[in-house]
Amino acid sequence: MALTVEGVPRPLPAGVDLSAYRIVQEALTNTLKHAGPAAATVRLRYGADDVQVEVSDDGRGAAADVHRNGDGDGGGKGLMGMRERVAMCGGELSAGHRPGGGFAVRARIPLTEESP
């Protein structure tokens, strides 16, 4: 696994920090469960008014599960839980197969005075 941090790291509001952590945790768990032999990359981007999290892998993925259930883990609540966490913070999440293979989860969480 590789980690890339872009921007100037700074303390995040507790709810945003926990959401970002859990997104990385769940996305890496899904990589272990579904990608087969794969390399994973985690990118954290600290922007002026948001934090972005991207977890991607180059594995085979769980194509049938993602398209059938929309949750990415064959009936569990992985991607659905990530979407709910990001939505509670007013952010956006996208997840899907990458061109050329692999899977990626991308979250953008705004940082506002009201951020949890």
PDB file of N, CA and C in Angstrom:
ATOM      1  N   MET A   1       0.843  -1.171   0.000  1.00  0.00           N
ATOM      2  CA  MET A   1       0.000   0.000   0.000  1.00  0.00           C
ATOM      3  C   MET A   1       0.888   1.233   0.000  1.00  0.00           C
ATOM      4  N   ALA A   2       0.448   2.235  -0.726  1.00  0.00           N
ATOM      5  CA  ALA A   2       1.153   3.511  -0.781  1.00  0.00           C
ATOM      6  C   ALA A   2       0.231   4.599  -0.241  1.00  0.00           C
ATOM      7  N   LEU A   3       0.808   5.569   0.456  1.00  0.00           N
ATOM      8  CA  LEU A   3       0.060   6.704   0.985  1.00  0.00           C
ATOM      9  C   LEU A   3       0.649   7.975   0.424  1.00  0.00           C
ATOM     10  N   THR A   4      -0.227   8.843  -0.100  1.00  0.00           N
ATOM     11  CA  THR A   4       0.172  10.149  -0.590  1.00  0.00           C
ATOM     12  C   THR A   4      -0.655  11.196   0.146  1.00  0.00           C
ATOM     13  N   VAL A   5       0.021  12.226   0.659  1.00  0.00           N
ATOM     14  CA  VAL A   5      -0.668  13.342   1.313  1.00  0.00           C
ATOM     15  C   VAL A   5      -0.339  14.598   0.520  1.00  0.00           C
ATOM     16  N   GLU A   6      -1.390  15.299   0.105  1.00  0.00           N
ATOM     17  CA  GLU A   6      -1.222  16.532  -0.655  1.00  0.00           C
ATOM     18  C   GLU A   6      -1.821  17.677   0.138  1.00  0.00           C
ATOM     19  N   GLY A   7      -1.258  18.852  -0.004  1.00  0.00           N
ATOM     20  CA  GLY A   7      -1.720  20.001   0.750  1.00  0.00           C
ATOM     21  C   GLY A   7      -1.073  20.020   2.125  1.00  0.00           C
ATOM     22  N   VAL A   8      -1.535  20.927   2.954  1.00  0.00           N
ATOM     23  CA  VAL A   8      -0.978  21.091   4.297  1.00  0.00           C
ATOM     24  C   VAL A   8      -1.879  20.366   5.296  1.00  0.00           C
ATOM     25  N   PRO A   9      -1.381  19.267   5.872  1.00  0.00           N
ATOM     26  CA  PRO A   9      -2.195  18.549   6.872  1.00  0.00           C
ATOM     27  C   PRO A   9      -2.509  19.458   8.060  1.00  0.00           C
ATOM     28  N   ARG A  10      -3.722  19.319   8.554  1.00  0.00           N
ATOM     29  CA  ARG A  10      -4.137  20.110   9.719  1.00  0.00           C
ATOM     30  C   ARG A  10      -5.205  19.334  10.473  1.00  0.00           C
ATOM     31  N   PRO A  11      -5.437  19.698  11.715  1.00  0.00           N
ATOM     32  CA  PRO A  11      -6.501  19.010  12.457  1.00  0.00           C
ATOM     33  C   PRO A  11      -7.846  19.220  11.766  1.00  0.00           C
ATOM     34  N   LEU A  12      -8.629  18.142  11.725  1.00  0.00           N
ATOM     35  CA  LEU A  12      -9.960  18.194  11.124  1.00  0.00           C
ATOM     36  C   LEU A  12     -11.003  18.137  12.226  1.00  0.00           C
ATOM     37  N   PRO A  13     -12.200  18.676  11.969  1.00  0.00           N
ATOM     38  CA  PRO A  13     -13.277  18.490  12.934  1.00  0.00           C
ATOM     39  C   PRO A  13     -13.455  16.992  13.209  1.00  0.00           C
ATOM     40  N   ALA A  14     -13.823  16.649  14.428  1.00  0.00           N
ATOM     41  CA  ALA A  14     -13.886  15.247  14.856  1.00  0.00           C
ATOM     42  C   ALA A  14     -14.733  14.379  13.917  1.00  0.00           C
ATOM     43  N   GLY A  15     -15.897  14.850  13.512  1.00  0.00           N
ATOM     44  CA  GLY A  15     -16.772  14.063  12.644  1.00  0.00           C
ATOM     45  C   GLY A  15     -16.175  13.838  11.269  1.00  0.00           C
ATOM     46  N   VAL A  16     -15.504  14.844  10.734  1.00  0.00           N
ATOM     47  CA  VAL A  16     -14.860  14.731   9.425  1.00  0.00           C
ATOM     48  C   VAL A  16     -13.670  13.781   9.521  1.00  0.00           C
ATOM     49  N   ASP A  17     -12.881  13.935  10.577  1.00  0.00           N
ATOM     50  CA  ASP A  17     -11.718  13.080  10.793  1.00  0.00           C
ATOM     51  C   ASP A  17     -12.134  11.612  10.896  1.00  0.00           C
ATOM     52  N   LEU A  18     -13.162  11.337  11.687  1.00  0.00           N
ATOM     53  CA  LEU A  18     -13.643   9.964  11.845  1.00  0.00           C
ATOM     54  C   LEU A  18     -14.208   9.428  10.534  1.00  0.00           C
ATOM     55  N   SER A  19     -14.943  10.239   9.810  1.00  0.00           N
ATOM     56  CA  SER A  19     -15.498   9.796   8.524  1.00  0.00           C
ATOM     57  C   SER A  19     -14.386   9.455   7.536  1.00  0.00           C
ATOM     58  N   ALA A  20     -13.383  10.312   7.442  1.00  0.00           N
ATOM     59  CA  ALA A  20     -12.264  10.045   6.530  1.00  0.00           C
ATOM     60  C   ALA A  20     -11.550   8.749   6.932  1.00  0.00           C
ATOM     61  N   TYR A  21     -11.307   8.572   8.208  1.00  0.00           N
ATOM     62  CA  TYR A  21     -10.654   7.355   8.699  1.00  0.00           C
ATOM     63  C   TYR A  21     -11.455   6.112   8.333  1.00  0.00           C
ATOM     64  N   ARG A  22     -12.756   6.145   8.599  1.00  0.00           N
ATOM     65  CA  ARG A  22     -13.602   4.970   8.340  1.00  0.00           C
ATOM     66  C   ARG A  22     -13.732   4.685   6.844  1.00  0.00           C
ATOM     67  N   ILE A  23     -13.711   5.714   6.010  1.00  0.00           N
ATOM     68  CA  ILE A  23     -13.755   5.498   4.565  1.00  0.00           C
ATOM     69  C   ILE A  23     -12.495   4.759   4.115  1.00  0.00           C
ATOM     70  N   VAL A  24     -11.343   5.211   4.591  1.00  0.00           N
ATOM     71  CA  VAL A  24     -10.094   4.530   4.245  1.00  0.00           C
ATOM     72  C   VAL A  24     -10.129   3.096   4.760  1.00  0.00           C
ATOM     73  N   GLN A  25     -10.550   2.918   5.995  1.00  0.00           N
ATOM     74  CA  GLN A  25     -10.597   1.581   6.596  1.00  0.00           C
ATOM     75  C   GLN A  25     -11.507   0.643   5.794  1.00  0.00           C
ATOM     76  N   GLU A  26     -12.698   1.089   5.474  1.00  0.00           N
ATOM     77  CA  GLU A  26     -13.646   0.236   4.755  1.00  0.00           C
ATOM     78  C   GLU A  26     -13.189  -0.032   3.329  1.00  0.00           C
ATOM     79  N   ALA A  27     -12.654   0.981   2.654  1.00  0.00           N
ATOM     80  CA  ALA A  27     -12.193   0.792   1.280  1.00  0.00           C
ATOM     81  C   ALA A  27     -11.020  -0.192   1.230  1.00  0.00           C
ATOM     82  N   LEU A  28     -10.109  -0.112   2.192  1.00  0.00           N
ATOM     83  CA  LEU A  28      -8.999  -1.071   2.220  1.00  0.00           C
ATOM     84  C   LEU A  28      -9.493  -2.466   2.569  1.00  0.00           C
ATOM     85  N   THR A  29     -10.479  -2.561   3.448  1.00  0.00           N
ATOM     86  CA  THR A  29     -11.077  -3.863   3.759  1.00  0.00           C
ATOM     87  C   THR A  29     -11.693  -4.466   2.504  1.00  0.00           C
ATOM     88  N   ASN A  30     -12.415  -3.645   1.732  1.00  0.00           N
ATOM     89  CA  ASN A  30     -13.013  -4.134   0.490  1.00  0.00           C
ATOM     90  C   ASN A  30     -11.942  -4.574  -0.507  1.00  0.00           C
ATOM     91  N   THR A  31     -10.820  -3.857  -0.544  1.00  0.00           N
ATOM     92  CA  THR A  31      -9.716  -4.269  -1.416  1.00  0.00           C
ATOM     93  C   THR A  31      -9.230  -5.653  -1.021  1.00  0.00           C
ATOM     94  N   LEU A  32      -9.020  -5.872   0.265  1.00  0.00           N
ATOM     95  CA  LEU A  32      -8.570  -7.183   0.735  1.00  0.00           C
ATOM     96  C   LEU A  32      -9.580  -8.276   0.409  1.00  0.00           C
ATOM     97  N   LYS A  33     -10.876  -7.965   0.544  1.00  0.00           N
ATOM     98  CA  LYS A  33     -11.921  -8.964   0.329  1.00  0.00           C
ATOM     99  C   LYS A  33     -12.164  -9.274  -1.138  1.00  0.00           C
ATOM    100  N   HIS A  34     -12.022  -8.286  -2.011  1.00  0.00           N
ATOM    101  CA  HIS A  34     -12.507  -8.434  -3.378  1.00  0.00           C
ATOM    102  C   HIS A  34     -11.478  -8.302  -4.492  1.00  0.00           C
ATOM    103  N   ALA A  35     -10.368  -7.657  -4.240  1.00  0.00           N
ATOM    104  CA  ALA A  35      -9.464  -7.320  -5.333  1.00  0.00           C
ATOM    105  C   ALA A  35      -8.527  -8.448  -5.732  1.00  0.00           C
ATOM    106  N   GLY A  36      -8.398  -9.463  -4.887  1.00  0.00           N
ATOM    107  CA  GLY A  36      -7.407 -10.492  -5.187  1.00  0.00           C
ATOM    108  C   GLY A  36      -6.025  -9.912  -4.958  1.00  0.00           C
ATOM    109  N   PRO A  37      -5.012 -10.474  -5.603  1.00  0.00           N
ATOM    110  CA  PRO A  37      -3.678  -9.889  -5.471  1.00  0.00           C
ATOM    111  C   PRO A  37      -3.698  -8.477  -6.066  1.00  0.00           C
ATOM    112  N   ALA A  38      -3.463  -7.480  -5.245  1.00  0.00           N
ATOM    113  CA  ALA A  38      -3.577  -6.101  -5.720  1.00  0.00           C
ATOM    114  C   ALA A  38      -2.717  -5.167  -4.883  1.00  0.00           C
ATOM    115  N   ALA A  39      -2.378  -4.050  -5.485  1.00  0.00           N
ATOM    116  CA  ALA A  39      -1.729  -2.961  -4.773  1.00  0.00           C
ATOM    117  C   ALA A  39      -2.785  -1.886  -4.536  1.00  0.00           C
ATOM    118  N   ALA A  40      -2.727  -1.283  -3.364  1.00  0.00           N
ATOM    119  CA  ALA A  40      -3.684  -0.220  -3.025  1.00  0.00           C
ATOM    120  C   ALA A  40      -2.935   1.088  -2.810  1.00  0.00           C
ATOM    121  N   THR A  41      -3.619   2.177  -3.120  1.00  0.00           N
ATOM    122  CA  THR A  41      -3.078   3.516  -2.923  1.00  0.00           C
ATOM    123  C   THR A  41      -4.105   4.349  -2.172  1.00  0.00           C
ATOM    124  N   VAL A  42      -3.650   5.080  -1.154  1.00  0.00           N
ATOM    125  CA  VAL A  42      -4.499   6.002  -0.407  1.00  0.00           C
ATOM    126  C   VAL A  42      -3.955   7.403  -0.647  1.00  0.00           C
ATOM    127  N   ARG A  43      -4.850   8.316  -1.056  1.00  0.00           N
ATOM    128  CA  ARG A  43      -4.482   9.720  -1.257  1.00  0.00           C
ATOM    129  C   ARG A  43      -5.357  10.583  -0.362  1.00  0.00           C
ATOM    130  N   LEU A  44      -4.714  11.432   0.403  1.00  0.00           N
ATOM    131  CA  LEU A  44      -5.424  12.435   1.199  1.00  0.00           C
ATOM    132  C   LEU A  44      -5.032  13.800   0.645  1.00  0.00           C
ATOM    133  N   ARG A  45      -6.038  14.613   0.323  1.00  0.00           N
ATOM    134  CA  ARG A  45      -5.784  15.954  -0.197  1.00  0.00           C
ATOM    135  C   ARG A  45      -6.448  16.964   0.727  1.00  0.00           C
ATOM    136  N   TYR A  46      -5.624  17.809   1.325  1.00  0.00           N
ATOM    137  CA  TYR A  46      -6.140  18.871   2.176  1.00  0.00           C
ATOM    138  C   TYR A  46      -6.295  20.114   1.323  1.00  0.00           C
ATOM    139  N   GLY A  47      -7.525  20.520   1.068  1.00  0.00           N
ATOM    140  CA  GLY A  47      -7.796  21.731   0.320  1.00  0.00           C
ATOM    141  C   GLY A  47      -8.099  22.877   1.267  1.00  0.00           C
ATOM    142  N   ALA A  48      -8.322  24.039   0.705  1.00  0.00           N
ATOM    143  CA  ALA A  48      -8.631  25.211   1.524  1.00  0.00           C
ATOM    144  C   ALA A  48      -9.934  25.031   2.286  1.00  0.00           C
ATOM    145  N   ASP A  49     -10.933  24.393   1.657  1.00  0.00           N
ATOM    146  CA  ASP A  49     -12.224  24.258   2.317  1.00  0.00           C
ATOM    147  C   ASP A  49     -12.805  22.847   2.201  1.00  0.00           C
ATOM    148  N   ASP A  50     -11.932  21.865   1.942  1.00  0.00           N
ATOM    149  CA  ASP A  50     -12.393  20.482   1.936  1.00  0.00           C
ATOM    150  C   ASP A  50     -11.223  19.534   2.160  1.00  0.00           C
ATOM    151  N   VAL A  51     -11.543  18.302   2.417  1.00  0.00           N
ATOM    152  CA  VAL A  51     -10.563  17.230   2.445  1.00  0.00           C
ATOM    153  C   VAL A  51     -11.081  16.165   1.487  1.00  0.00           C
ATOM    154  N   GLN A  52     -10.167  15.612   0.698  1.00  0.00           N
ATOM    155  CA  GLN A  52     -10.539  14.579  -0.264  1.00  0.00           C
ATOM    156  C   GLN A  52      -9.782  13.307   0.065  1.00  0.00           C
ATOM    157  N   VAL A  53     -10.489  12.200  -0.024  1.00  0.00           N
ATOM    158  CA  VAL A  53      -9.922  10.886   0.261  1.00  0.00           C
ATOM    159  C   VAL A  53     -10.130  10.032  -0.981  1.00  0.00           C
ATOM    160  N   GLU A  54      -9.077   9.375  -1.415  1.00  0.00           N
ATOM    161  CA  GLU A  54      -9.200   8.438  -2.528  1.00  0.00           C
ATOM    162  C   GLU A  54      -8.456   7.160  -2.171  1.00  0.00           C
ATOM    163  N   VAL A  55      -9.139   6.049  -2.301  1.00  0.00           N
ATOM    164  CA  VAL A  55      -8.528   4.739  -2.107  1.00  0.00           C
ATOM    165  C   VAL A  55      -8.751   3.968  -3.396  1.00  0.00           C
ATOM    166  N   SER A  56      -7.667   3.549  -4.021  1.00  0.00           N
ATOM    167  CA  SER A  56      -7.791   2.819  -5.283  1.00  0.00           C
ATOM    168  C   SER A  56      -6.918   1.574  -5.242  1.00  0.00           C
ATOM    169  N   ASP A  57      -7.289   0.625  -6.074  1.00  0.00           N
ATOM    170  CA  ASP A  57      -6.489  -0.589  -6.191  1.00  0.00           C
ATOM    171  C   ASP A  57      -6.416  -0.991  -7.656  1.00  0.00           C
ATOM    172  N   ASP A  58      -5.532  -1.934  -7.929  1.00  0.00           N
ATOM    173  CA  ASP A  58      -5.381  -2.412  -9.297  1.00  0.00           C
ATOM    174  C   ASP A  58      -5.824  -3.867  -9.437  1.00  0.00           C
ATOM    175  N   GLY A  59      -6.698  -4.289  -8.544  1.00  0.00           N
ATOM    176  CA  GLY A  59      -7.148  -5.679  -8.530  1.00  0.00           C
ATOM    177  C   GLY A  59      -8.313  -5.962  -9.445  1.00  0.00           C
ATOM    178  N   ARG A  60      -8.848  -7.171  -9.292  1.00  0.00           N
ATOM    179  CA  ARG A  60      -9.921  -7.624 -10.186  1.00  0.00           C
ATOM    180  C   ARG A  60     -11.280  -7.107  -9.770  1.00  0.00           C
ATOM    181  N   GLY A  61     -11.484  -6.754  -8.494  1.00  0.00           N
ATOM    182  CA  GLY A  61     -12.750  -6.193  -8.025  1.00  0.00           C
ATOM    183  C   GLY A  61     -13.852  -7.221  -7.890  1.00  0.00           C
ATOM    184  N   ALA A  62     -15.022  -6.739  -7.538  1.00  0.00           N
ATOM    185  CA  ALA A  62     -16.205  -7.581  -7.344  1.00  0.00           C
ATOM    186  C   ALA A  62     -17.307  -7.067  -8.258  1.00  0.00           C
ATOM    187  N   ALA A  63     -17.063  -7.101  -9.544  1.00  0.00           N
ATOM    188  CA  ALA A  63     -17.949  -6.471 -10.521  1.00  0.00           C
ATOM    189  C   ALA A  63     -19.402  -6.895 -10.384  1.00  0.00           C
ATOM    190  N   ALA A  64     -19.660  -8.164 -10.286  1.00  0.00           N
ATOM    191  CA  ALA A  64     -21.051  -8.627 -10.226  1.00  0.00           C
ATOM    192  C   ALA A  64     -21.732  -8.126  -8.963  1.00  0.00           C
ATOM    193  N   ASP A  65     -21.033  -8.137  -7.842  1.00  0.00           N
ATOM    194  CA  ASP A  65     -21.620  -7.672  -6.584  1.00  0.00           C
ATOM    195  C   ASP A  65     -21.941  -6.188  -6.627  1.00  0.00           C
ATOM    196  N   VAL A  66     -21.013  -5.387  -7.152  1.00  0.00           N
ATOM    197  CA  VAL A  66     -21.235  -3.946  -7.192  1.00  0.00           C
ATOM    198  C   VAL A  66     -22.446  -3.622  -8.045  1.00  0.00           C
ATOM    199  N   HIS A  67     -22.553  -4.238  -9.202  1.00  0.00           N
ATOM    200  CA  HIS A  67     -23.665  -3.915 -10.097  1.00  0.00           C
ATOM    201  C   HIS A  67     -24.991  -4.488  -9.604  1.00  0.00           C
ATOM    202  N   ARG A  68     -24.961  -5.631  -8.965  1.00  0.00           N
ATOM    203  CA  ARG A  68     -26.195  -6.250  -8.495  1.00  0.00           C
ATOM    204  C   ARG A  68     -26.712  -5.553  -7.232  1.00  0.00           C
ATOM    205  N   ASN A  69     -25.842  -5.293  -6.269  1.00  0.00           N
ATOM    206  CA  ASN A  69     -26.272  -4.785  -4.973  1.00  0.00           C
ATOM    207  C   ASN A  69     -26.014  -3.299  -4.764  1.00  0.00           C
ATOM    208  N   GLY A  70     -25.085  -2.737  -5.527  1.00  0.00           N
ATOM    209  CA  GLY A  70     -24.756  -1.326  -5.348  1.00  0.00           C
ATOM    210  C   GLY A  70     -23.981  -1.047  -4.090  1.00  0.00           C
ATOM    211  N   ASP A  71     -23.529  -2.082  -3.387  1.00  0.00           N
ATOM    212  CA  ASP A  71     -22.814  -1.827  -2.144  1.00  0.00           C
ATOM    213  C   ASP A  71     -21.369  -2.294  -2.166  1.00  0.00           C
ATOM    214  N   GLY A  72     -20.966  -2.990  -3.212  1.00  0.00           N
ATOM    215  CA  GLY A  72     -19.579  -3.322  -3.398  1.00  0.00           C
ATOM    216  C   GLY A  72     -19.053  -4.488  -2.608  1.00  0.00           C
ATOM    217  N   ASP A  73     -19.851  -5.075  -1.720  1.00  0.00           N
ATOM    218  CA  ASP A  73     -19.287  -6.180  -0.963  1.00  0.00           C
ATOM    219  C   ASP A  73     -20.237  -7.359  -0.838  1.00  0.00           C
ATOM    220  N   GLY A  74     -20.974  -7.612  -1.865  1.00  0.00           N
ATOM    221  CA  GLY A  74     -21.754  -8.829  -1.926  1.00  0.00           C
ATOM    222  C   GLY A  74     -22.870  -8.921  -0.918  1.00  0.00           C
ATOM    223  N   GLY A  75     -23.469  -7.838  -0.549  1.00  0.00           N
ATOM    224  CA  GLY A  75     -24.603  -7.888   0.369  1.00  0.00           C
ATOM    225  C   GLY A  75     -24.353  -7.181   1.681  1.00  0.00           C
ATOM    226  N   GLY A  76     -23.107  -6.755   1.932  1.00  0.00           N
ATOM    227  CA  GLY A  76     -22.801  -6.016   3.149  1.00  0.00           C
ATOM    228  C   GLY A  76     -23.215  -4.568   3.009  1.00  0.00           C
ATOM    229  N   LYS A  77     -22.709  -3.765   3.888  1.00  0.00           N
ATOM    230  CA  LYS A  77     -23.103  -2.353   3.912  1.00  0.00           C
ATOM    231  C   LYS A  77     -21.932  -1.406   3.696  1.00  0.00           C
ATOM    232  N   GLY A  78     -20.838  -1.903   3.107  1.00  0.00           N
ATOM    233  CA  GLY A  78     -19.617  -1.113   2.966  1.00  0.00           C
ATOM    234  C   GLY A  78     -19.777   0.221   2.272  1.00  0.00           C
ATOM    235  N   LEU A  79     -20.086   0.207   0.983  1.00  0.00           N
ATOM    236  CA  LEU A  79     -20.205   1.460   0.249  1.00  0.00           C
ATOM    237  C   LEU A  79     -21.395   2.280   0.726  1.00  0.00           C
ATOM    238  N   MET A  80     -22.464   1.623   1.086  1.00  0.00           N
ATOM    239  CA  MET A  80     -23.632   2.346   1.587  1.00  0.00           C
ATOM    240  C   MET A  80     -23.259   3.118   2.856  1.00  0.00           C
ATOM    241  N   GLY A  81     -22.528   2.476   3.754  1.00  0.00           N
ATOM    242  CA  GLY A  81     -22.090   3.150   4.979  1.00  0.00           C
ATOM    243  C   GLY A  81     -21.166   4.318   4.696  1.00  0.00           C
ATOM    244  N   MET A  82     -20.272   4.148   3.721  1.00  0.00           N
ATOM    245  CA  MET A  82     -19.385   5.252   3.350  1.00  0.00           C
ATOM    246  C   MET A  82     -20.191   6.423   2.811  1.00  0.00           C
ATOM    247  N   ARG A  83     -21.165   6.124   1.958  1.00  0.00           N
ATOM    248  CA  ARG A  83     -22.021   7.194   1.400  1.00  0.00           C
ATOM    249  C   ARG A  83     -22.750   7.945   2.510  1.00  0.00           C
ATOM    250  N   GLU A  84     -23.274   7.210   3.481  1.00  0.00           N
ATOM    251  CA  GLU A  84     -23.997   7.841   4.588  1.00  0.00           C
ATOM    252  C   GLU A  84     -23.077   8.723   5.417  1.00  0.00           C
ATOM    253  N   ARG A  85     -21.871   8.255   5.699  1.00  0.00           N
ATOM    254  CA  ARG A  85     -20.912   9.057   6.472  1.00  0.00           C
ATOM    255  C   ARG A  85     -20.590  10.367   5.767  1.00  0.00           C
ATOM    256  N   VAL A  86     -20.301  10.267   4.480  1.00  0.00           N
ATOM    257  CA  VAL A  86     -19.950  11.459   3.716  1.00  0.00           C
ATOM    258  C   VAL A  86     -21.147  12.400   3.628  1.00  0.00           C
ATOM    259  N   ALA A  87     -22.332  11.867   3.416  1.00  0.00           N
ATOM    260  CA  ALA A  87     -23.542  12.699   3.317  1.00  0.00           C
ATOM    261  C   ALA A  87     -23.804  13.442   4.631  1.00  0.00           C
ATOM    262  N   MET A  88     -23.552  12.799   5.772  1.00  0.00           N
ATOM    263  CA  MET A  88     -23.759  13.468   7.062  1.00  0.00           C
ATOM    264  C   MET A  88     -22.859  14.690   7.207  1.00  0.00           C
ATOM    265  N   CYS A  89     -21.736  14.685   6.504  1.00  0.00           N
ATOM    266  CA  CYS A  89     -20.803  15.809   6.555  1.00  0.00           C
ATOM    267  C   CYS A  89     -21.039  16.791   5.404  1.00  0.00           C
ATOM    268  N   GLY A  90     -22.057  16.525   4.577  1.00  0.00           N
ATOM    269  CA  GLY A  90     -22.350  17.407   3.453  1.00  0.00           C
ATOM    270  C   GLY A  90     -21.464  17.173   2.240  1.00  0.00           C
ATOM    271  N   GLY A  91     -20.848  16.002   2.167  1.00  0.00           N
ATOM    272  CA  GLY A  91     -19.915  15.721   1.077  1.00  0.00           C
ATOM    273  C   GLY A  91     -20.477  14.799   0.023  1.00  0.00           C
ATOM    274  N   GLU A  92     -19.580  14.317  -0.819  1.00  0.00           N
ATOM    275  CA  GLU A  92     -19.938  13.461  -1.952  1.00  0.00           C
ATOM    276  C   GLU A  92     -19.012  12.263  -1.976  1.00  0.00           C
ATOM    277  N   LEU A  93     -19.534  11.129  -2.429  1.00  0.00           N
ATOM    278  CA  LEU A  93     -18.736   9.919  -2.573  1.00  0.00           C
ATOM    279  C   LEU A  93     -19.033   9.289  -3.916  1.00  0.00           C
ATOM    280  N   SER A  94     -17.988   8.853  -4.588  1.00  0.00           N
ATOM    281  CA  SER A  94     -18.161   8.071  -5.800  1.00  0.00           C
ATOM    282  C   SER A  94     -17.304   6.817  -5.668  1.00  0.00           C
ATOM    283  N   ALA A  95     -17.774   5.747  -6.265  1.00  0.00           N
ATOM    284  CA  ALA A  95     -17.051   4.483  -6.209  1.00  0.00           C
ATOM    285  C   ALA A  95     -17.344   3.709  -7.475  1.00  0.00           C
ATOM    286  N   GLY A  96     -16.324   3.061  -7.987  1.00  0.00           N
ATOM    287  CA  GLY A  96     -16.548   2.258  -9.176  1.00  0.00           C
ATOM    288  C   GLY A  96     -15.259   1.744  -9.758  1.00  0.00           C
ATOM    289  N   HIS A  97     -15.430   1.004 -10.834  1.00  0.00           N
ATOM    290  CA  HIS A  97     -14.288   0.411 -11.515  1.00  0.00           C
ATOM    291  C   HIS A  97     -13.484   1.485 -12.213  1.00  0.00           C
ATOM    292  N   ARG A  98     -12.175   1.298 -12.209  1.00  0.00           N
ATOM    293  CA  ARG A  98     -11.257   2.227 -12.856  1.00  0.00           C
ATOM    294  C   ARG A  98     -10.999   1.776 -14.289  1.00  0.00           C
ATOM    295  N   PRO A  99     -10.835   2.715 -15.198  1.00  0.00           N
ATOM    296  CA  PRO A  99     -10.447   2.350 -16.562  1.00  0.00           C
ATOM    297  C   PRO A  99      -9.124   1.574 -16.509  1.00  0.00           C
ATOM    298  N   GLY A 100      -9.059   0.472 -17.175  1.00  0.00           N
ATOM    299  CA  GLY A 100      -7.843  -0.321 -17.174  1.00  0.00           C
ATOM    300  C   GLY A 100      -7.759  -1.326 -16.036  1.00  0.00           C
ATOM    301  N   GLY A 101      -8.758  -1.353 -15.162  1.00  0.00           N
ATOM    302  CA  GLY A 101      -8.786  -2.328 -14.081  1.00  0.00           C
ATOM    303  C   GLY A 101      -8.704  -1.702 -12.707  1.00  0.00           C
ATOM    304  N   GLY A 102      -9.165  -2.446 -11.751  1.00  0.00           N
ATOM    305  CA  GLY A 102      -9.148  -1.968 -10.378  1.00  0.00           C
ATOM    306  C   GLY A 102     -10.429  -1.257  -9.986  1.00  0.00           C
ATOM    307  N   PHE A 103     -10.415  -0.721  -8.791  1.00  0.00           N
ATOM    308  CA  PHE A 103     -11.591  -0.085  -8.208  1.00  0.00           C
ATOM    309  C   PHE A 103     -11.124   1.142  -7.448  1.00  0.00           C
ATOM    310  N   ALA A 104     -11.947   2.170  -7.374  1.00  0.00           N
ATOM    311  CA  ALA A 104     -11.594   3.380  -6.644  1.00  0.00           C
ATOM    312  C   ALA A 104     -12.794   3.894  -5.860  1.00  0.00           C
ATOM    313  N   VAL A 105     -12.504   4.413  -4.676  1.00  0.00           N
ATOM    314  CA  VAL A 105     -13.481   5.099  -3.840  1.00  0.00           C
ATOM    315  C   VAL A 105     -12.949   6.510  -3.648  1.00  0.00           C
ATOM    316  N   ARG A 106     -13.777   7.507  -3.953  1.00  0.00           N
ATOM    317  CA  ARG A 106     -13.377   8.904  -3.825  1.00  0.00           C
ATOM    318  C   ARG A 106     -14.419   9.651  -3.000  1.00  0.00           C
ATOM    319  N   ALA A 107     -13.931  10.356  -1.993  1.00  0.00           N
ATOM    320  CA  ALA A 107     -14.825  11.159  -1.153  1.00  0.00           C
ATOM    321  C   ALA A 107     -14.308  12.585  -1.073  1.00  0.00           C
ATOM    322  N   ARG A 108     -15.224  13.514  -1.106  1.00  0.00           N
ATOM    323  CA  ARG A 108     -14.917  14.917  -0.868  1.00  0.00           C
ATOM    324  C   ARG A 108     -15.784  15.394   0.275  1.00  0.00           C
ATOM    325  N   ILE A 109     -15.125  15.867   1.329  1.00  0.00           N
ATOM    326  CA  ILE A 109     -15.855  16.311   2.518  1.00  0.00           C
ATOM    327  C   ILE A 109     -15.545  17.780   2.736  1.00  0.00           C
ATOM    328  N   PRO A 110     -16.567  18.635   2.700  1.00  0.00           N
ATOM    329  CA  PRO A 110     -16.322  20.060   2.900  1.00  0.00           C
ATOM    330  C   PRO A 110     -15.946  20.354   4.360  1.00  0.00           C
ATOM    331  N   LEU A 111     -15.126  21.367   4.525  1.00  0.00           N
ATOM    332  CA  LEU A 111     -14.758  21.826   5.860  1.00  0.00           C
ATOM    333  C   LEU A 111     -15.403  23.179   6.076  1.00  0.00           C
ATOM    334  N   THR A 112     -16.401  23.195   6.913  1.00  0.00           N
ATOM    335  CA  THR A 112     -17.096  24.437   7.220  1.00  0.00           C
ATOM    336  C   THR A 112     -17.118  24.598   8.730  1.00  0.00           C
ATOM    337  N   GLU A 113     -17.540  25.746   9.180  1.00  0.00           N
ATOM    338  CA  GLU A 113     -17.631  25.969  10.619  1.00  0.00           C
ATOM    339  C   GLU A 113     -18.636  25.017  11.262  1.00  0.00           C
ATOM    340  N   GLU A 114     -19.591  24.518  10.456  1.00  0.00           N
ATOM    341  CA  GLU A 114     -20.609  23.609  10.981  1.00  0.00           C
ATOM    342  C   GLU A 114     -20.192  22.148  10.857  1.00  0.00           C
ATOM    343  N   SER A 115     -19.015  21.849  10.264  1.00  0.00           N
ATOM    344  CA  SER A 115     -18.609  20.447  10.085  1.00  0.00           C
ATOM    345  C   SER A 115     -18.648  19.723  11.419  1.00  0.00           C
ATOM    346  N   PRO A 116     -19.205  18.493  11.393  1.00  0.00           N
ATOM    347  CA  PRO A 116     -19.300  17.745  12.653  1.00  0.00           C
ATOM    348  C   PRO A 116     -17.938  17.402  13.220  1.00  0.00           C
TER     349      PRO A 116
END
